[in-house]
Amino acid sequence: GAYRQRTGGTRQKCLEPAVSKCGVGSDDMLRQ
């Protein structure tokens, strides 16, 4: 599906809609 690429100190792909489905967007799941 479509994804957005975000760049920073190192290259990081932010996959949409995979990120939301993975729960990475959730603070609690990311913390765990």
PDB file of all heavy atoms in Angstrom:
ATOM      1  N   GLY A   1       0.839  -1.182   0.000  1.00  0.00           N
ATOM      2  CA  GLY A   1       0.000   0.000   0.000  1.00  0.00           C
ATOM      3  C   GLY A   1       0.870   1.225   0.000  1.00  0.00           C
ATOM      4  O   GLY A   1       2.093   1.169  -0.062  1.00  0.00           O
ATOM      5  N   ALA A   2       0.238   2.366   0.115  1.00  0.00           N
ATOM      6  CA  ALA A   2       1.005   3.605   0.089  1.00  0.00           C
ATOM      7  C   ALA A   2       1.821   3.743   1.357  1.00  0.00           C
ATOM      8  O   ALA A   2       1.414   3.326   2.423  1.00  0.00           O
ATOM      9  CB  ALA A   2       0.050   4.791  -0.047  1.00  0.00           C
ATOM     10  N   TYR A   3       3.006   4.335   1.254  1.00  0.00           N
ATOM     11  CA  TYR A   3       3.776   4.619   2.447  1.00  0.00           C
ATOM     12  C   TYR A   3       4.461   5.959   2.302  1.00  0.00           C
ATOM     13  O   TYR A   3       4.682   6.454   1.225  1.00  0.00           O
ATOM     14  CB  TYR A   3       4.794   3.513   2.755  1.00  0.00           C
ATOM     15  CG  TYR A   3       5.942   3.382   1.796  1.00  0.00           C
ATOM     16  CD1 TYR A   3       7.071   4.173   1.948  1.00  0.00           C
ATOM     17  CD2 TYR A   3       5.909   2.452   0.761  1.00  0.00           C
ATOM     18  CE1 TYR A   3       8.138   4.053   1.082  1.00  0.00           C
ATOM     19  CE2 TYR A   3       6.980   2.332  -0.110  1.00  0.00           C
ATOM     20  CZ  TYR A   3       8.079   3.129   0.065  1.00  0.00           C
ATOM     21  OH  TYR A   3       9.128   3.001  -0.785  1.00  0.00           O
ATOM     22  N   ARG A   4       4.755   6.534   3.450  1.00  0.00           N
ATOM     23  CA  ARG A   4       5.426   7.813   3.488  1.00  0.00           C
ATOM     24  C   ARG A   4       6.827   7.591   4.006  1.00  0.00           C
ATOM     25  O   ARG A   4       7.032   6.869   4.973  1.00  0.00           O
ATOM     26  CB  ARG A   4       4.669   8.766   4.434  1.00  0.00           C
ATOM     27  CG  ARG A   4       5.309  10.146   4.524  1.00  0.00           C
ATOM     28  CD  ARG A   4       4.493  11.083   5.426  1.00  0.00           C
ATOM     29  NE  ARG A   4       4.590  10.687   6.824  1.00  0.00           N
ATOM     30  CZ  ARG A   4       3.597  10.180   7.517  1.00  0.00           C
ATOM     31  NH1 ARG A   4       2.435   9.958   6.936  1.00  0.00           N
ATOM     32  NH2 ARG A   4       3.742   9.854   8.787  1.00  0.00           N
ATOM     33  N   GLN A   5       7.802   8.218   3.385  1.00  0.00           N
ATOM     34  CA  GLN A   5       9.193   8.091   3.836  1.00  0.00           C
ATOM     35  C   GLN A   5       9.577   9.361   4.569  1.00  0.00           C
ATOM     36  O   GLN A   5       9.403  10.461   4.083  1.00  0.00           O
ATOM     37  CB  GLN A   5      10.122   7.864   2.651  1.00  0.00           C
ATOM     38  CG  GLN A   5      11.567   7.735   3.082  1.00  0.00           C
ATOM     39  CD  GLN A   5      12.443   7.259   1.963  1.00  0.00           C
ATOM     40  OE1 GLN A   5      12.174   6.262   1.328  1.00  0.00           O
ATOM     41  NE2 GLN A   5      13.493   7.988   1.690  1.00  0.00           N
ATOM     42  N   ARG A   6      10.110   9.190   5.785  1.00  0.00           N
ATOM     43  CA  ARG A   6      10.564  10.311   6.589  1.00  0.00           C
ATOM     44  C   ARG A   6      12.052  10.162   6.797  1.00  0.00           C
ATOM     45  O   ARG A   6      12.528   9.074   7.098  1.00  0.00           O
ATOM     46  CB  ARG A   6       9.836  10.297   7.938  1.00  0.00           C
ATOM     47  CG  ARG A   6      10.238  11.458   8.849  1.00  0.00           C
ATOM     48  CD  ARG A   6       9.406  11.415  10.123  1.00  0.00           C
ATOM     49  NE  ARG A   6       9.652  10.187  10.867  1.00  0.00           N
ATOM     50  CZ  ARG A   6       8.807   9.692  11.756  1.00  0.00           C
ATOM     51  NH1 ARG A   6       7.648  10.276  11.970  1.00  0.00           N
ATOM     52  NH2 ARG A   6       9.109   8.590  12.420  1.00  0.00           N
ATOM     53  N   THR A   7      12.787  11.230   6.660  1.00  0.00           N
ATOM     54  CA  THR A   7      14.229  11.158   6.827  1.00  0.00           C
ATOM     55  C   THR A   7      14.656  11.925   8.060  1.00  0.00           C
ATOM     56  O   THR A   7      14.077  12.929   8.433  1.00  0.00           O
ATOM     57  CB  THR A   7      14.961  11.759   5.609  1.00  0.00           C
ATOM     58  OG1 THR A   7      14.519  13.104   5.423  1.00  0.00           O
ATOM     59  CG2 THR A   7      14.659  10.959   4.365  1.00  0.00           C
ATOM     60  N   GLY A   8      15.700  11.414   8.694  1.00  0.00           N
ATOM     61  CA  GLY A   8      16.248  12.067   9.868  1.00  0.00           C
ATOM     62  C   GLY A   8      17.726  11.810   9.891  1.00  0.00           C
ATOM     63  O   GLY A   8      18.383  11.808   8.863  1.00  0.00           O
ATOM     64  N   GLY A   9      18.282  11.550  11.113  1.00  0.00           N
ATOM     65  CA  GLY A   9      19.694  11.240  11.203  1.00  0.00           C
ATOM     66  C   GLY A   9      20.025   9.976  10.428  1.00  0.00           C
ATOM     67  O   GLY A   9      21.071   9.857   9.826  1.00  0.00           O
ATOM     68  N   THR A  10      19.132   9.024  10.470  1.00  0.00           N
ATOM     69  CA  THR A  10      19.255   7.839   9.633  1.00  0.00           C
ATOM     70  C   THR A  10      17.947   7.663   8.898  1.00  0.00           C
ATOM     71  O   THR A  10      16.905   8.137   9.334  1.00  0.00           O
ATOM     72  CB  THR A  10      19.540   6.579  10.476  1.00  0.00           C
ATOM     73  OG1 THR A  10      18.501   6.435  11.454  1.00  0.00           O
ATOM     74  CG2 THR A  10      20.889   6.685  11.170  1.00  0.00           C
ATOM     75  N   ARG A  11      17.992   6.969   7.768  1.00  0.00           N
ATOM     76  CA  ARG A  11      16.791   6.813   6.966  1.00  0.00           C
ATOM     77  C   ARG A  11      15.799   5.906   7.678  1.00  0.00           C
ATOM     78  O   ARG A  11      16.145   4.871   8.186  1.00  0.00           O
ATOM     79  CB  ARG A  11      17.156   6.204   5.610  1.00  0.00           C
ATOM     80  CG  ARG A  11      16.015   6.203   4.633  1.00  0.00           C
ATOM     81  CD  ARG A  11      16.536   5.784   3.285  1.00  0.00           C
ATOM     82  NE  ARG A  11      17.067   4.443   3.334  1.00  0.00           N
ATOM     83  CZ  ARG A  11      16.596   3.449   2.609  1.00  0.00           C
ATOM     84  NH1 ARG A  11      15.600   3.625   1.800  1.00  0.00           N
ATOM     85  NH2 ARG A  11      17.138   2.254   2.686  1.00  0.00           N
ATOM     86  N   GLN A  12      14.557   6.339   7.737  1.00  0.00           N
ATOM     87  CA  GLN A  12      13.532   5.537   8.372  1.00  0.00           C
ATOM     88  C   GLN A  12      12.275   5.600   7.531  1.00  0.00           C
ATOM     89  O   GLN A  12      11.802   6.668   7.195  1.00  0.00           O
ATOM     90  CB  GLN A  12      13.222   6.063   9.772  1.00  0.00           C
ATOM     91  CG  GLN A  12      12.115   5.269  10.471  1.00  0.00           C
ATOM     92  CD  GLN A  12      11.782   5.842  11.824  1.00  0.00           C
ATOM     93  OE1 GLN A  12      12.179   6.954  12.119  1.00  0.00           O
ATOM     94  NE2 GLN A  12      11.035   5.122  12.612  1.00  0.00           N
ATOM     95  N   LYS A  13      11.726   4.464   7.163  1.00  0.00           N
ATOM     96  CA  LYS A  13      10.488   4.426   6.413  1.00  0.00           C
ATOM     97  C   LYS A  13       9.317   4.313   7.376  1.00  0.00           C
ATOM     98  O   LYS A  13       9.343   3.510   8.286  1.00  0.00           O
ATOM     99  CB  LYS A  13      10.459   3.235   5.449  1.00  0.00           C
ATOM    100  CG  LYS A  13      11.480   3.343   4.331  1.00  0.00           C
ATOM    101  CD  LYS A  13      11.403   2.139   3.434  1.00  0.00           C
ATOM    102  CE  LYS A  13      12.428   2.225   2.312  1.00  0.00           C
ATOM    103  NZ  LYS A  13      12.430   1.019   1.480  1.00  0.00           N
ATOM    104  N   CYS A  14       8.346   5.128   7.169  1.00  0.00           N
ATOM    105  CA  CYS A  14       7.128   5.053   7.956  1.00  0.00           C
ATOM    106  C   CYS A  14       6.041   4.504   7.046  1.00  0.00           C
ATOM    107  O   CYS A  14       5.579   5.196   6.149  1.00  0.00           O
ATOM    108  CB  CYS A  14       6.737   6.430   8.471  1.00  0.00           C
ATOM    109  SG  CYS A  14       7.947   7.095   9.608  1.00  0.00           S
ATOM    110  N   LEU A  15       5.706   3.269   7.251  1.00  0.00           N
ATOM    111  CA  LEU A  15       4.796   2.607   6.340  1.00  0.00           C
ATOM    112  C   LEU A  15       3.354   2.928   6.715  1.00  0.00           C
ATOM    113  O   LEU A  15       2.959   2.794   7.849  1.00  0.00           O
ATOM    114  CB  LEU A  15       5.026   1.098   6.393  1.00  0.00           C
ATOM    115  CG  LEU A  15       6.450   0.688   6.018  1.00  0.00           C
ATOM    116  CD1 LEU A  15       6.655  -0.771   6.328  1.00  0.00           C
ATOM    117  CD2 LEU A  15       6.719   0.965   4.572  1.00  0.00           C
ATOM    118  N   GLU A  16       2.598   3.387   5.768  1.00  0.00           N
ATOM    119  CA  GLU A  16       1.189   3.669   5.922  1.00  0.00           C
ATOM    120  C   GLU A  16       0.421   2.748   4.979  1.00  0.00           C
ATOM    121  O   GLU A  16       0.726   2.696   3.791  1.00  0.00           O
ATOM    122  CB  GLU A  16       0.916   5.134   5.522  1.00  0.00           C
ATOM    123  CG  GLU A  16       1.715   6.151   6.320  1.00  0.00           C
ATOM    124  CD  GLU A  16       1.046   6.507   7.626  1.00  0.00           C
ATOM    125  OE1 GLU A  16      -0.129   6.138   7.787  1.00  0.00           O
ATOM    126  OE2 GLU A  16       1.682   7.143   8.458  1.00  0.00           O
ATOM    127  N   PRO A  17      -0.579   1.979   5.442  1.00  0.00           N
ATOM    128  CA  PRO A  17      -1.166   2.045   6.772  1.00  0.00           C
ATOM    129  C   PRO A  17      -0.587   1.045   7.767  1.00  0.00           C
ATOM    130  O   PRO A  17      -1.168   0.814   8.805  1.00  0.00           O
ATOM    131  CB  PRO A  17      -2.623   1.702   6.491  1.00  0.00           C
ATOM    132  CG  PRO A  17      -2.523   0.700   5.394  1.00  0.00           C
ATOM    133  CD  PRO A  17      -1.345   1.127   4.530  1.00  0.00           C
ATOM    134  N   ALA A  18       0.540   0.433   7.434  1.00  0.00           N
ATOM    135  CA  ALA A  18       1.080  -0.618   8.298  1.00  0.00           C
ATOM    136  C   ALA A  18       1.374  -0.123   9.697  1.00  0.00           C
ATOM    137  O   ALA A  18       1.185  -0.843  10.668  1.00  0.00           O
ATOM    138  CB  ALA A  18       2.359  -1.185   7.687  1.00  0.00           C
ATOM    139  N   VAL A  19       1.849   1.112   9.836  1.00  0.00           N
ATOM    140  CA  VAL A  19       2.222   1.625  11.146  1.00  0.00           C
ATOM    141  C   VAL A  19       1.028   1.613  12.082  1.00  0.00           C
ATOM    142  O   VAL A  19       1.102   1.148  13.215  1.00  0.00           O
ATOM    143  CB  VAL A  19       2.810   3.044  11.023  1.00  0.00           C
ATOM    144  CG1 VAL A  19       2.950   3.679  12.392  1.00  0.00           C
ATOM    145  CG2 VAL A  19       4.167   2.980  10.345  1.00  0.00           C
ATOM    146  N   SER A  20      -0.109   2.110  11.616  1.00  0.00           N
ATOM    147  CA  SER A  20      -1.284   2.147  12.469  1.00  0.00           C
ATOM    148  C   SER A  20      -1.782   0.743  12.781  1.00  0.00           C
ATOM    149  O   SER A  20      -2.211   0.443  13.885  1.00  0.00           O
ATOM    150  CB  SER A  20      -2.397   2.961  11.805  1.00  0.00           C
ATOM    151  OG  SER A  20      -2.756   2.392  10.561  1.00  0.00           O
ATOM    152  N   LYS A  21      -1.703  -0.170  11.813  1.00  0.00           N
ATOM    153  CA  LYS A  21      -2.167  -1.530  12.041  1.00  0.00           C
ATOM    154  C   LYS A  21      -1.231  -2.288  12.968  1.00  0.00           C
ATOM    155  O   LYS A  21      -1.650  -3.182  13.694  1.00  0.00           O
ATOM    156  CB  LYS A  21      -2.321  -2.268  10.711  1.00  0.00           C
ATOM    157  CG  LYS A  21      -3.486  -1.750   9.884  1.00  0.00           C
ATOM    158  CD  LYS A  21      -3.807  -2.698   8.754  1.00  0.00           C
ATOM    159  CE  LYS A  21      -5.036  -2.219   7.995  1.00  0.00           C
ATOM    160  NZ  LYS A  21      -5.420  -3.165   6.931  1.00  0.00           N
ATOM    161  N   CYS A  22       0.057  -1.946  12.934  1.00  0.00           N
ATOM    162  CA  CYS A  22       1.009  -2.604  13.822  1.00  0.00           C
ATOM    163  C   CYS A  22       0.860  -2.121  15.249  1.00  0.00           C
ATOM    164  O   CYS A  22       1.359  -2.735  16.175  1.00  0.00           O
ATOM    165  CB  CYS A  22       2.449  -2.329  13.369  1.00  0.00           C
ATOM    166  SG  CYS A  22       2.869  -3.082  11.797  1.00  0.00           S
ATOM    167  N   GLY A  23       0.219  -0.997  15.431  1.00  0.00           N
ATOM    168  CA  GLY A  23       0.099  -0.428  16.762  1.00  0.00           C
ATOM    169  C   GLY A  23       1.273   0.436  17.128  1.00  0.00           C
ATOM    170  O   GLY A  23       1.408   0.859  18.262  1.00  0.00           O
ATOM    171  N   VAL A  24       2.181   0.701  16.179  1.00  0.00           N
ATOM    172  CA  VAL A  24       3.343   1.526  16.470  1.00  0.00           C
ATOM    173  C   VAL A  24       2.913   2.933  16.828  1.00  0.00           C
ATOM    174  O   VAL A  24       3.589   3.648  17.546  1.00  0.00           O
ATOM    175  CB  VAL A  24       4.311   1.532  15.274  1.00  0.00           C
ATOM    176  CG1 VAL A  24       5.491   2.453  15.527  1.00  0.00           C
ATOM    177  CG2 VAL A  24       4.820   0.119  15.038  1.00  0.00           C
ATOM    178  N   GLY A  25       1.749   3.332  16.328  1.00  0.00           N
ATOM    179  CA  GLY A  25       1.252   4.664  16.627  1.00  0.00           C
ATOM    180  C   GLY A  25       0.736   4.794  18.046  1.00  0.00           C
ATOM    181  O   GLY A  25       0.453   5.888  18.526  1.00  0.00           O
ATOM    182  N   SER A  26       0.586   3.679  18.763  1.00  0.00           N
ATOM    183  CA  SER A  26       0.095   3.676  20.131  1.00  0.00           C
ATOM    184  C   SER A  26       1.259   3.821  21.094  1.00  0.00           C
ATOM    185  O   SER A  26       2.221   3.066  21.054  1.00  0.00           O
ATOM    186  CB  SER A  26      -0.656   2.369  20.403  1.00  0.00           C
ATOM    187  OG  SER A  26      -0.795   2.149  21.787  1.00  0.00           O
ATOM    188  N   ASP A  27       1.145   4.793  22.008  1.00  0.00           N
ATOM    189  CA  ASP A  27       2.217   5.011  22.983  1.00  0.00           C
ATOM    190  C   ASP A  27       2.431   3.780  23.848  1.00  0.00           C
ATOM    191  O   ASP A  27       3.561   3.401  24.155  1.00  0.00           O
ATOM    192  CB  ASP A  27       1.896   6.222  23.859  1.00  0.00           C
ATOM    193  CG  ASP A  27       2.011   7.534  23.101  1.00  0.00           C
ATOM    194  OD1 ASP A  27       2.652   7.535  22.036  1.00  0.00           O
ATOM    195  OD2 ASP A  27       1.462   8.540  23.573  1.00  0.00           O
ATOM    196  N   ASP A  28       1.343   3.139  24.275  1.00  0.00           N
ATOM    197  CA  ASP A  28       1.465   1.973  25.146  1.00  0.00           C
ATOM    198  C   ASP A  28       2.150   0.813  24.438  1.00  0.00           C
ATOM    199  O   ASP A  28       3.050   0.174  24.982  1.00  0.00           O
ATOM    200  CB  ASP A  28       0.081   1.527  25.631  1.00  0.00           C
ATOM    201  CG  ASP A  28      -0.509   2.507  26.647  1.00  0.00           C
ATOM    202  OD1 ASP A  28       0.277   3.254  27.258  1.00  0.00           O
ATOM    203  OD2 ASP A  28      -1.740   2.500  26.809  1.00  0.00           O
ATOM    204  N   MET A  29       1.746   0.556  23.197  1.00  0.00           N
ATOM    205  CA  MET A  29       2.363  -0.548  22.469  1.00  0.00           C
ATOM    206  C   MET A  29       3.810  -0.253  22.132  1.00  0.00           C
ATOM    207  O   MET A  29       4.664  -1.123  22.176  1.00  0.00           O
ATOM    208  CB  MET A  29       1.567  -0.868  21.201  1.00  0.00           C
ATOM    209  CG  MET A  29       0.288  -1.619  21.459  1.00  0.00           C
ATOM    210  SD  MET A  29      -0.247  -2.633  20.065  1.00  0.00           S
ATOM    211  CE  MET A  29       1.130  -3.721  19.830  1.00  0.00           C
ATOM    212  N   LEU A  30       4.090   1.008  21.785  1.00  0.00           N
ATOM    213  CA  LEU A  30       5.465   1.380  21.488  1.00  0.00           C
ATOM    214  C   LEU A  30       6.334   1.237  22.727  1.00  0.00           C
ATOM    215  O   LEU A  30       7.464   0.749  22.655  1.00  0.00           O
ATOM    216  CB  LEU A  30       5.509   2.822  20.970  1.00  0.00           C
ATOM    217  CG  LEU A  30       6.881   3.342  20.565  1.00  0.00           C
ATOM    218  CD1 LEU A  30       7.473   2.476  19.458  1.00  0.00           C
ATOM    219  CD2 LEU A  30       6.796   4.788  20.113  1.00  0.00           C
ATOM    220  N   ARG A  31       5.801   1.607  23.883  1.00  0.00           N
ATOM    221  CA  ARG A  31       6.558   1.483  25.127  1.00  0.00           C
ATOM    222  C   ARG A  31       6.829   0.015  25.442  1.00  0.00           C
ATOM    223  O   ARG A  31       7.943  -0.371  25.801  1.00  0.00           O
ATOM    224  CB  ARG A  31       5.776   2.141  26.270  1.00  0.00           C
ATOM    225  CG  ARG A  31       6.581   2.267  27.563  1.00  0.00           C
ATOM    226  CD  ARG A  31       5.794   3.021  28.634  1.00  0.00           C
ATOM    227  NE  ARG A  31       5.450   4.351  28.185  1.00  0.00           N
ATOM    228  CZ  ARG A  31       4.202   4.746  27.869  1.00  0.00           C
ATOM    229  NH1 ARG A  31       3.202   3.889  27.957  1.00  0.00           N
ATOM    230  NH2 ARG A  31       3.962   5.971  27.480  1.00  0.00           N
ATOM    231  N   GLN A  32       5.812  -0.829  25.290  1.00  0.00           N
ATOM    232  CA  GLN A  32       5.999  -2.257  25.538  1.00  0.00           C
ATOM    233  C   GLN A  32       7.003  -2.855  24.564  1.00  0.00           C
ATOM    234  O   GLN A  32       7.821  -3.693  24.930  1.00  0.00           O
ATOM    235  CB  GLN A  32       4.655  -2.971  25.408  1.00  0.00           C
ATOM    236  CG  GLN A  32       3.662  -2.598  26.495  1.00  0.00           C
ATOM    237  CD  GLN A  32       2.293  -3.203  26.247  1.00  0.00           C
ATOM    238  OE1 GLN A  32       2.154  -4.102  25.423  1.00  0.00           O
ATOM    239  NE2 GLN A  32       1.282  -2.720  26.940  1.00  0.00           N
TER     240      GLN A  32
END
